[in-house]
Amino acid sequence: MRTLFSLFFIFSFAVSAQAGIQTQEIEYSSGGAKLKGYLAYDDSIKGKRPGVLVVHEWWGHNEHARDRARMLAKLGYTALAVDMYGDGKFAEHPKKAGEFMNAAFKDWKGSKAKFNAAKKVLQNHATVDPERIASIGFCFGGAVSLRMARGGADLSAVVAFHSALPLAPPVKPGQVKAAVLVINGADDGFLDPKTVATFKEEMADATADFKYVSLEGAKHSYTNVQADEFSKKFNIPALEYNKEADQKAWAAMQDLFKRVFSK
């Protein structure tokens, strides 16, 4: 009896250890470019669920994006940290990060294709309801997600954290299908007040489901726990991690998802 109990305990432990958050490297391609994504989901949840694309900061596909994918999986979503630069590369210096980012925006046609390739991978995953897809982005990734929304991408929601505010493409009434939430720091030194005002006005004129949140005391990159390290290392005082702002922004994202995905 003791032996049978021991075997049952070991078997149960093995099964429970395998259940829960699952992660895997995902290789896909776009326009001949090899892309490396990172997928996270909870296999203890039955049935299909919403999928969320996670678009990285200007640094590239790094641990910050992967960590957010795992956090989303814990909330019950299937998340794919995407690769906008190709081959999963990321920069170790702001100069190189700027080069990567500028090249991505210069070739917007190619970047749009990379985004859509990742979206297709996510939609085709066995755990995902292909009709309920959102995109979240940080810094560069926020701008990518916002450009997709302004261009009429078929997304349920877009959330942009400490994001640049693209004024392209031009947006027309009824064109924005996604519910859009922008959460920036009130003390973000990279933001031009005129651009902020113009962006808000354009989104309002487009009759979009849109909200802009300005977090008091928060600087740029407030969600990245490495921001203080980068600030000191590269002498960029505009960068600062802010735990309180991070938590408020993440909660606001969850509220939006609950609203749009319950429809």
C-alpha atoms as a PDB file:
ATOM      1  CA  MET A   1       0.000   0.000   0.000  1.00  0.00           C
ATOM      2  CA  ARG A   2       2.823   2.374   0.892  1.00  0.00           C
ATOM      3  CA  THR A   3       4.510   1.621  -2.437  1.00  0.00           C
ATOM      4  CA  LEU A   4       1.307   2.320  -4.381  1.00  0.00           C
ATOM      5  CA  PHE A   5       0.783   5.574  -2.476  1.00  0.00           C
ATOM      6  CA  SER A   6       4.375   6.617  -3.178  1.00  0.00           C
ATOM      7  CA  LEU A   7       3.985   5.917  -6.879  1.00  0.00           C
ATOM      8  CA  PHE A   8       0.706   7.848  -6.968  1.00  0.00           C
ATOM      9  CA  PHE A   9       2.326  10.815  -5.206  1.00  0.00           C
ATOM     10  CA  ILE A  10       5.285  10.836  -7.586  1.00  0.00           C
ATOM     11  CA  PHE A  11       3.001  10.591 -10.619  1.00  0.00           C
ATOM     12  CA  SER A  12       0.748  13.387  -9.356  1.00  0.00           C
ATOM     13  CA  PHE A  13       3.734  15.611  -8.667  1.00  0.00           C
ATOM     14  CA  ALA A  14       5.137  14.985 -12.138  1.00  0.00           C
ATOM     15  CA  VAL A  15       1.841  15.926 -13.774  1.00  0.00           C
ATOM     16  CA  SER A  16       1.391  19.083 -11.688  1.00  0.00           C
ATOM     17  CA  ALA A  17       4.980  20.104 -12.324  1.00  0.00           C
ATOM     18  CA  GLN A  18       4.301  19.973 -16.065  1.00  0.00           C
ATOM     19  CA  ALA A  19       0.988  21.814 -15.850  1.00  0.00           C
ATOM     20  CA  GLY A  20       0.718  25.589 -15.704  1.00  0.00           C
ATOM     21  CA  ILE A  21       2.733  28.206 -17.582  1.00  0.00           C
ATOM     22  CA  GLN A  22       4.353  26.825 -20.708  1.00  0.00           C
ATOM     23  CA  THR A  23       6.890  28.746 -22.793  1.00  0.00           C
ATOM     24  CA  GLN A  24       8.513  27.988 -26.092  1.00  0.00           C
ATOM     25  CA  GLU A  25      10.723  29.537 -28.725  1.00  0.00           C
ATOM     26  CA  ILE A  26       8.858  30.172 -31.965  1.00  0.00           C
ATOM     27  CA  GLU A  27      10.554  30.580 -35.341  1.00  0.00           C
ATOM     28  CA  TYR A  28       8.635  32.172 -38.191  1.00  0.00           C
ATOM     29  CA  SER A  29       9.480  34.339 -41.187  1.00  0.00           C
ATOM     30  CA  SER A  30       8.451  37.396 -43.155  1.00  0.00           C
ATOM     31  CA  GLY A  31       9.825  38.553 -46.483  1.00  0.00           C
ATOM     32  CA  GLY A  32      12.692  36.117 -46.260  1.00  0.00           C
ATOM     33  CA  ALA A  33      13.719  37.328 -42.799  1.00  0.00           C
ATOM     34  CA  LYS A  34      13.979  34.753 -40.021  1.00  0.00           C
ATOM     35  CA  LEU A  35      12.124  35.869 -36.913  1.00  0.00           C
ATOM     36  CA  LYS A  36      12.348  34.480 -33.393  1.00  0.00           C
ATOM     37  CA  GLY A  37       9.395  34.843 -31.060  1.00  0.00           C
ATOM     38  CA  TYR A  38       8.633  33.655 -27.539  1.00  0.00           C
ATOM     39  CA  LEU A  39       5.270  32.131 -26.695  1.00  0.00           C
ATOM     40  CA  ALA A  40       3.732  31.766 -23.227  1.00  0.00           C
ATOM     41  CA  TYR A  41       0.423  30.250 -22.129  1.00  0.00           C
ATOM     42  CA  ASP A  42      -1.189  28.385 -19.255  1.00  0.00           C
ATOM     43  CA  ASP A  43      -1.966  24.805 -20.263  1.00  0.00           C
ATOM     44  CA  SER A  44      -4.135  24.252 -17.192  1.00  0.00           C
ATOM     45  CA  ILE A  45      -6.769  26.468 -18.821  1.00  0.00           C
ATOM     46  CA  LYS A  46      -9.181  24.627 -21.072  1.00  0.00           C
ATOM     47  CA  GLY A  47     -10.506  26.000 -24.315  1.00  0.00           C
ATOM     48  CA  LYS A  48      -9.474  28.919 -26.490  1.00  0.00           C
ATOM     49  CA  ARG A  49      -8.603  32.304 -25.066  1.00  0.00           C
ATOM     50  CA  PRO A  50      -7.586  35.770 -26.315  1.00  0.00           C
ATOM     51  CA  GLY A  51      -4.087  36.176 -27.696  1.00  0.00           C
ATOM     52  CA  VAL A  52      -1.800  39.127 -27.024  1.00  0.00           C
ATOM     53  CA  LEU A  53       1.157  40.274 -29.098  1.00  0.00           C
ATOM     54  CA  VAL A  54       3.985  41.829 -27.071  1.00  0.00           C
ATOM     55  CA  VAL A  55       6.101  44.290 -29.050  1.00  0.00           C
ATOM     56  CA  HIS A  56       9.494  45.060 -27.549  1.00  0.00           C
ATOM     57  CA  GLU A  57      11.251  48.341 -26.753  1.00  0.00           C
ATOM     58  CA  TRP A  58      13.841  49.863 -29.081  1.00  0.00           C
ATOM     59  CA  TRP A  59      16.446  47.546 -27.552  1.00  0.00           C
ATOM     60  CA  GLY A  60      14.919  44.610 -29.415  1.00  0.00           C
ATOM     61  CA  HIS A  61      13.578  41.207 -28.415  1.00  0.00           C
ATOM     62  CA  ASN A  62      14.912  41.024 -24.864  1.00  0.00           C
ATOM     63  CA  GLU A  63      13.952  39.646 -21.459  1.00  0.00           C
ATOM     64  CA  HIS A  64      11.616  42.546 -20.732  1.00  0.00           C
ATOM     65  CA  ALA A  65       9.290  41.500 -23.561  1.00  0.00           C
ATOM     66  CA  ARG A  66       9.513  37.837 -22.581  1.00  0.00           C
ATOM     67  CA  ASP A  67       8.727  38.622 -18.975  1.00  0.00           C
ATOM     68  CA  ARG A  68       5.586  40.488 -20.039  1.00  0.00           C
ATOM     69  CA  ALA A  69       4.527  37.500 -22.144  1.00  0.00           C
ATOM     70  CA  ARG A  70       4.811  35.261 -19.075  1.00  0.00           C
ATOM     71  CA  MET A  71       2.859  37.779 -16.994  1.00  0.00           C
ATOM     72  CA  LEU A  72       0.075  37.767 -19.569  1.00  0.00           C
ATOM     73  CA  ALA A  73       0.032  33.957 -19.547  1.00  0.00           C
ATOM     74  CA  LYS A  74      -0.508  34.061 -15.789  1.00  0.00           C
ATOM     75  CA  LEU A  75      -3.540  36.276 -16.432  1.00  0.00           C
ATOM     76  CA  GLY A  76      -5.016  33.605 -18.690  1.00  0.00           C
ATOM     77  CA  TYR A  77      -3.954  34.863 -22.115  1.00  0.00           C
ATOM     78  CA  THR A  78      -1.684  33.296 -24.712  1.00  0.00           C
ATOM     79  CA  ALA A  79       1.071  35.820 -25.427  1.00  0.00           C
ATOM     80  CA  LEU A  80       3.678  36.041 -28.144  1.00  0.00           C
ATOM     81  CA  ALA A  81       6.697  38.295 -27.647  1.00  0.00           C
ATOM     82  CA  VAL A  82       7.398  39.259 -31.253  1.00  0.00           C
ATOM     83  CA  ASP A  83      10.589  39.980 -33.149  1.00  0.00           C
ATOM     84  CA  MET A  84      10.527  43.229 -35.121  1.00  0.00           C
ATOM     85  CA  TYR A  85      14.238  43.357 -35.982  1.00  0.00           C
ATOM     86  CA  GLY A  86      14.846  39.808 -37.181  1.00  0.00           C
ATOM     87  CA  ASP A  87      16.811  36.837 -35.855  1.00  0.00           C
ATOM     88  CA  GLY A  88      15.787  37.771 -32.308  1.00  0.00           C
ATOM     89  CA  LYS A  89      18.520  40.393 -32.137  1.00  0.00           C
ATOM     90  CA  PHE A  90      18.726  43.142 -29.563  1.00  0.00           C
ATOM     91  CA  ALA A  91      21.009  46.113 -29.007  1.00  0.00           C
ATOM     92  CA  GLU A  92      23.398  46.548 -26.096  1.00  0.00           C
ATOM     93  CA  HIS A  93      23.927  50.271 -26.723  1.00  0.00           C
ATOM     94  CA  PRO A  94      21.428  53.112 -27.374  1.00  0.00           C
ATOM     95  CA  LYS A  95      23.177  54.035 -30.630  1.00  0.00           C
ATOM     96  CA  LYS A  96      22.590  50.590 -32.069  1.00  0.00           C
ATOM     97  CA  ALA A  97      19.050  50.511 -30.672  1.00  0.00           C
ATOM     98  CA  GLY A  98      18.347  53.788 -32.456  1.00  0.00           C
ATOM     99  CA  GLU A  99      19.693  52.359 -35.702  1.00  0.00           C
ATOM    100  CA  PHE A 100      17.478  49.293 -35.397  1.00  0.00           C
ATOM    101  CA  MET A 101      14.415  51.387 -34.577  1.00  0.00           C
ATOM    102  CA  ASN A 102      14.940  53.929 -37.344  1.00  0.00           C
ATOM    103  CA  ALA A 103      15.475  51.195 -39.902  1.00  0.00           C
ATOM    104  CA  ALA A 104      12.246  49.510 -38.810  1.00  0.00           C
ATOM    105  CA  PHE A 105      10.213  52.698 -39.211  1.00  0.00           C
ATOM    106  CA  LYS A 106      11.913  53.588 -42.499  1.00  0.00           C
ATOM    107  CA  ASP A 107      10.839  50.226 -43.892  1.00  0.00           C
ATOM    108  CA  TRP A 108       7.329  50.385 -42.473  1.00  0.00           C
ATOM    109  CA  LYS A 109       5.996  48.063 -45.168  1.00  0.00           C
ATOM    110  CA  GLY A 110       8.434  45.388 -44.017  1.00  0.00           C
ATOM    111  CA  SER A 111       7.745  46.075 -40.331  1.00  0.00           C
ATOM    112  CA  LYS A 112       4.017  45.844 -40.889  1.00  0.00           C
ATOM    113  CA  ALA A 113       4.554  42.487 -42.578  1.00  0.00           C
ATOM    114  CA  LYS A 114       6.628  41.275 -39.596  1.00  0.00           C
ATOM    115  CA  PHE A 115       3.849  42.313 -37.221  1.00  0.00           C
ATOM    116  CA  ASN A 116       1.213  40.543 -39.285  1.00  0.00           C
ATOM    117  CA  ALA A 117       3.351  37.411 -39.561  1.00  0.00           C
ATOM    118  CA  ALA A 118       3.537  37.259 -35.760  1.00  0.00           C
ATOM    119  CA  LYS A 119      -0.198  37.916 -35.521  1.00  0.00           C
ATOM    120  CA  LYS A 120      -0.888  34.978 -37.839  1.00  0.00           C
ATOM    121  CA  VAL A 121       1.350  32.685 -35.766  1.00  0.00           C
ATOM    122  CA  LEU A 122      -0.538  33.671 -32.626  1.00  0.00           C
ATOM    123  CA  GLN A 123      -3.956  33.282 -34.230  1.00  0.00           C
ATOM    124  CA  ASN A 124      -3.053  29.783 -35.434  1.00  0.00           C
ATOM    125  CA  HIS A 125      -2.004  28.542 -32.005  1.00  0.00           C
ATOM    126  CA  ALA A 126      -4.276  25.818 -30.625  1.00  0.00           C
ATOM    127  CA  THR A 127      -5.057  27.785 -27.437  1.00  0.00           C
ATOM    128  CA  VAL A 128      -6.061  31.036 -29.155  1.00  0.00           C
ATOM    129  CA  ASP A 129      -9.385  32.435 -30.280  1.00  0.00           C
ATOM    130  CA  PRO A 130      -8.271  34.075 -33.574  1.00  0.00           C
ATOM    131  CA  GLU A 131     -11.045  36.663 -33.365  1.00  0.00           C
ATOM    132  CA  ARG A 132      -9.791  38.077 -30.057  1.00  0.00           C
ATOM    133  CA  ILE A 133      -6.283  39.471 -30.530  1.00  0.00           C
ATOM    134  CA  ALA A 134      -4.659  42.457 -28.816  1.00  0.00           C
ATOM    135  CA  SER A 135      -1.270  44.077 -29.065  1.00  0.00           C
ATOM    136  CA  ILE A 136       0.718  45.732 -26.307  1.00  0.00           C
ATOM    137  CA  GLY A 137       3.964  47.583 -26.850  1.00  0.00           C
ATOM    138  CA  PHE A 138       6.647  49.415 -24.953  1.00  0.00           C
ATOM    139  CA  CYS A 139       8.472  52.505 -26.260  1.00  0.00           C
ATOM    140  CA  PHE A 140       9.183  51.550 -29.902  1.00  0.00           C
ATOM    141  CA  GLY A 141       6.732  48.670 -29.534  1.00  0.00           C
ATOM    142  CA  GLY A 142       4.008  51.030 -28.410  1.00  0.00           C
ATOM    143  CA  ALA A 143       4.507  53.154 -31.501  1.00  0.00           C
ATOM    144  CA  VAL A 144       4.401  50.046 -33.701  1.00  0.00           C
ATOM    145  CA  SER A 145       1.138  48.927 -32.097  1.00  0.00           C
ATOM    146  CA  LEU A 146      -0.373  52.412 -32.428  1.00  0.00           C
ATOM    147  CA  ARG A 147       0.589  52.651 -36.102  1.00  0.00           C
ATOM    148  CA  MET A 148      -1.089  49.310 -36.717  1.00  0.00           C
ATOM    149  CA  ALA A 149      -4.233  50.523 -34.943  1.00  0.00           C
ATOM    150  CA  ARG A 150      -4.280  53.812 -36.864  1.00  0.00           C
ATOM    151  CA  GLY A 151      -3.919  51.835 -40.085  1.00  0.00           C
ATOM    152  CA  GLY A 152      -7.069  49.860 -39.330  1.00  0.00           C
ATOM    153  CA  ALA A 153      -5.514  46.597 -38.131  1.00  0.00           C
ATOM    154  CA  ASP A 154      -8.022  43.962 -37.090  1.00  0.00           C
ATOM    155  CA  LEU A 155      -7.232  44.029 -33.366  1.00  0.00           C
ATOM    156  CA  SER A 156      -9.513  44.020 -30.337  1.00  0.00           C
ATOM    157  CA  ALA A 157      -7.270  46.302 -28.308  1.00  0.00           C
ATOM    158  CA  VAL A 158      -3.927  48.102 -28.311  1.00  0.00           C
ATOM    159  CA  VAL A 159      -2.099  49.235 -25.193  1.00  0.00           C
ATOM    160  CA  ALA A 160       1.009  51.412 -25.494  1.00  0.00           C
ATOM    161  CA  PHE A 161       3.321  51.942 -22.516  1.00  0.00           C
ATOM    162  CA  HIS A 162       5.816  54.870 -22.390  1.00  0.00           C
ATOM    163  CA  SER A 163       5.273  55.136 -26.103  1.00  0.00           C
ATOM    164  CA  ALA A 164       6.152  57.483 -28.906  1.00  0.00           C
ATOM    165  CA  LEU A 165       3.001  58.846 -30.557  1.00  0.00           C
ATOM    166  CA  PRO A 166       3.039  58.293 -34.325  1.00  0.00           C
ATOM    167  CA  LEU A 167       1.044  60.716 -36.435  1.00  0.00           C
ATOM    168  CA  ALA A 168       1.179  58.306 -39.357  1.00  0.00           C
ATOM    169  CA  PRO A 169      -0.670  56.919 -41.087  1.00  0.00           C
ATOM    170  CA  PRO A 170      -3.354  59.609 -41.333  1.00  0.00           C
ATOM    171  CA  VAL A 171      -6.426  58.406 -39.503  1.00  0.00           C
ATOM    172  CA  LYS A 172     -10.046  58.785 -40.619  1.00  0.00           C
ATOM    173  CA  PRO A 173     -13.327  58.407 -38.718  1.00  0.00           C
ATOM    174  CA  GLY A 174     -14.211  54.767 -38.256  1.00  0.00           C
ATOM    175  CA  GLN A 175     -10.785  53.554 -39.335  1.00  0.00           C
ATOM    176  CA  VAL A 176      -9.510  52.513 -35.903  1.00  0.00           C
ATOM    177  CA  LYS A 177     -11.017  49.123 -35.051  1.00  0.00           C
ATOM    178  CA  ALA A 178      -9.111  48.525 -31.809  1.00  0.00           C
ATOM    179  CA  ALA A 179      -9.833  50.032 -28.425  1.00  0.00           C
ATOM    180  CA  VAL A 180      -6.684  52.080 -27.787  1.00  0.00           C
ATOM    181  CA  LEU A 181      -5.079  52.869 -24.441  1.00  0.00           C
ATOM    182  CA  VAL A 182      -1.896  54.930 -24.166  1.00  0.00           C
ATOM    183  CA  ILE A 183      -0.208  55.096 -20.759  1.00  0.00           C
ATOM    184  CA  ASN A 184       2.733  57.484 -20.635  1.00  0.00           C
ATOM    185  CA  GLY A 185       4.676  59.121 -17.855  1.00  0.00           C
ATOM    186  CA  ALA A 186       3.848  62.738 -17.097  1.00  0.00           C
ATOM    187  CA  ASP A 187       7.595  63.345 -16.747  1.00  0.00           C
ATOM    188  CA  ASP A 188       8.610  61.511 -19.928  1.00  0.00           C
ATOM    189  CA  GLY A 189      11.320  63.741 -21.369  1.00  0.00           C
ATOM    190  CA  PHE A 190      11.072  62.097 -24.795  1.00  0.00           C
ATOM    191  CA  LEU A 191       7.520  63.343 -25.368  1.00  0.00           C
ATOM    192  CA  ASP A 192       6.791  66.556 -27.245  1.00  0.00           C
ATOM    193  CA  PRO A 193       3.686  68.221 -25.717  1.00  0.00           C
ATOM    194  CA  LYS A 194       2.598  69.412 -29.160  1.00  0.00           C
ATOM    195  CA  THR A 195       2.756  65.871 -30.528  1.00  0.00           C
ATOM    196  CA  VAL A 196       0.776  64.592 -27.550  1.00  0.00           C
ATOM    197  CA  ALA A 197      -1.929  67.200 -28.148  1.00  0.00           C
ATOM    198  CA  THR A 198      -2.064  66.496 -31.889  1.00  0.00           C
ATOM    199  CA  PHE A 199      -2.225  62.743 -31.359  1.00  0.00           C
ATOM    200  CA  LYS A 200      -5.106  63.078 -28.885  1.00  0.00           C
ATOM    201  CA  GLU A 201      -6.969  65.419 -31.227  1.00  0.00           C
ATOM    202  CA  GLU A 202      -6.565  63.116 -34.215  1.00  0.00           C
ATOM    203  CA  MET A 203      -7.768  60.073 -32.303  1.00  0.00           C
ATOM    204  CA  ALA A 204     -10.774  62.019 -31.015  1.00  0.00           C
ATOM    205  CA  ASP A 205     -11.612  63.241 -34.536  1.00  0.00           C
ATOM    206  CA  ALA A 206     -11.412  59.637 -35.708  1.00  0.00           C
ATOM    207  CA  THR A 207     -14.112  58.761 -33.142  1.00  0.00           C
ATOM    208  CA  ALA A 208     -11.843  56.014 -31.862  1.00  0.00           C
ATOM    209  CA  ASP A 209     -12.366  54.105 -28.608  1.00  0.00           C
ATOM    210  CA  PHE A 210      -9.383  55.908 -27.135  1.00  0.00           C
ATOM    211  CA  LYS A 211      -7.986  56.878 -23.755  1.00  0.00           C
ATOM    212  CA  TYR A 212      -4.741  58.621 -22.839  1.00  0.00           C
ATOM    213  CA  VAL A 213      -3.390  58.248 -19.297  1.00  0.00           C
ATOM    214  CA  SER A 214      -0.585  60.440 -17.947  1.00  0.00           C
ATOM    215  CA  LEU A 215       1.055  58.970 -14.845  1.00  0.00           C
ATOM    216  CA  GLU A 216       2.308  61.595 -12.409  1.00  0.00           C
ATOM    217  CA  GLY A 217       5.971  61.265 -11.471  1.00  0.00           C
ATOM    218  CA  ALA A 218       6.721  58.630 -14.116  1.00  0.00           C
ATOM    219  CA  LYS A 219       9.537  58.985 -16.633  1.00  0.00           C
ATOM    220  CA  HIS A 220      10.292  57.047 -19.797  1.00  0.00           C
ATOM    221  CA  SER A 221      10.656  53.262 -19.614  1.00  0.00           C
ATOM    222  CA  TYR A 222       8.837  53.147 -16.272  1.00  0.00           C
ATOM    223  CA  THR A 223       7.941  49.444 -16.785  1.00  0.00           C
ATOM    224  CA  ASN A 224      11.481  48.179 -17.333  1.00  0.00           C
ATOM    225  CA  VAL A 225      13.290  47.121 -14.153  1.00  0.00           C
ATOM    226  CA  GLN A 226      16.599  47.695 -15.981  1.00  0.00           C
ATOM    227  CA  ALA A 227      15.792  51.332 -16.737  1.00  0.00           C
ATOM    228  CA  ASP A 228      17.836  52.698 -13.824  1.00  0.00           C
ATOM    229  CA  GLU A 229      20.795  50.561 -14.881  1.00  0.00           C
ATOM    230  CA  PHE A 230      20.545  51.853 -18.461  1.00  0.00           C
ATOM    231  CA  SER A 231      20.130  55.430 -17.228  1.00  0.00           C
ATOM    232  CA  LYS A 232      23.349  55.263 -15.238  1.00  0.00           C
ATOM    233  CA  LYS A 233      25.347  53.244 -17.752  1.00  0.00           C
ATOM    234  CA  PHE A 234      24.493  55.384 -20.781  1.00  0.00           C
ATOM    235  CA  ASN A 235      23.855  58.705 -19.019  1.00  0.00           C
ATOM    236  CA  ILE A 236      20.193  58.925 -20.024  1.00  0.00           C
ATOM    237  CA  PRO A 237      18.431  60.613 -17.064  1.00  0.00           C
ATOM    238  CA  ALA A 238      15.070  60.383 -18.840  1.00  0.00           C
ATOM    239  CA  LEU A 239      14.951  56.646 -18.062  1.00  0.00           C
ATOM    240  CA  GLU A 240      13.647  55.450 -14.702  1.00  0.00           C
ATOM    241  CA  TYR A 241      11.786  52.392 -13.461  1.00  0.00           C
ATOM    242  CA  ASN A 242       8.718  53.245 -11.398  1.00  0.00           C
ATOM    243  CA  LYS A 243       7.086  50.305  -9.641  1.00  0.00           C
ATOM    244  CA  GLU A 244       3.918  52.175  -8.695  1.00  0.00           C
ATOM    245  CA  ALA A 245       3.415  53.497 -12.222  1.00  0.00           C
ATOM    246  CA  ASP A 246       4.138  50.060 -13.659  1.00  0.00           C
ATOM    247  CA  GLN A 247       1.502  48.440 -11.457  1.00  0.00           C
ATOM    248  CA  LYS A 248      -1.107  51.110 -12.228  1.00  0.00           C
ATOM    249  CA  ALA A 249      -0.499  50.794 -15.959  1.00  0.00           C
ATOM    250  CA  TRP A 250      -0.696  47.001 -15.876  1.00  0.00           C
ATOM    251  CA  ALA A 251      -3.970  47.174 -13.943  1.00  0.00           C
ATOM    252  CA  ALA A 252      -5.392  49.629 -16.496  1.00  0.00           C
ATOM    253  CA  MET A 253      -4.447  47.226 -19.290  1.00  0.00           C
ATOM    254  CA  GLN A 254      -6.256  44.392 -17.508  1.00  0.00           C
ATOM    255  CA  ASP A 255      -9.383  46.517 -17.121  1.00  0.00           C
ATOM    256  CA  LEU A 256      -9.403  47.258 -20.845  1.00  0.00           C
ATOM    257  CA  PHE A 257      -8.916  43.607 -21.755  1.00  0.00           C
ATOM    258  CA  LYS A 258     -11.761  42.537 -19.483  1.00  0.00           C
ATOM    259  CA  ARG A 259     -14.018  45.027 -21.233  1.00  0.00           C
ATOM    260  CA  VAL A 260     -13.156  44.288 -24.863  1.00  0.00           C
ATOM    261  CA  PHE A 261     -12.736  40.539 -24.558  1.00  0.00           C
ATOM    262  CA  SER A 262     -16.034  40.052 -22.740  1.00  0.00           C
ATOM    263  CA  LYS A 263     -18.023  41.345 -25.704  1.00  0.00           C
END
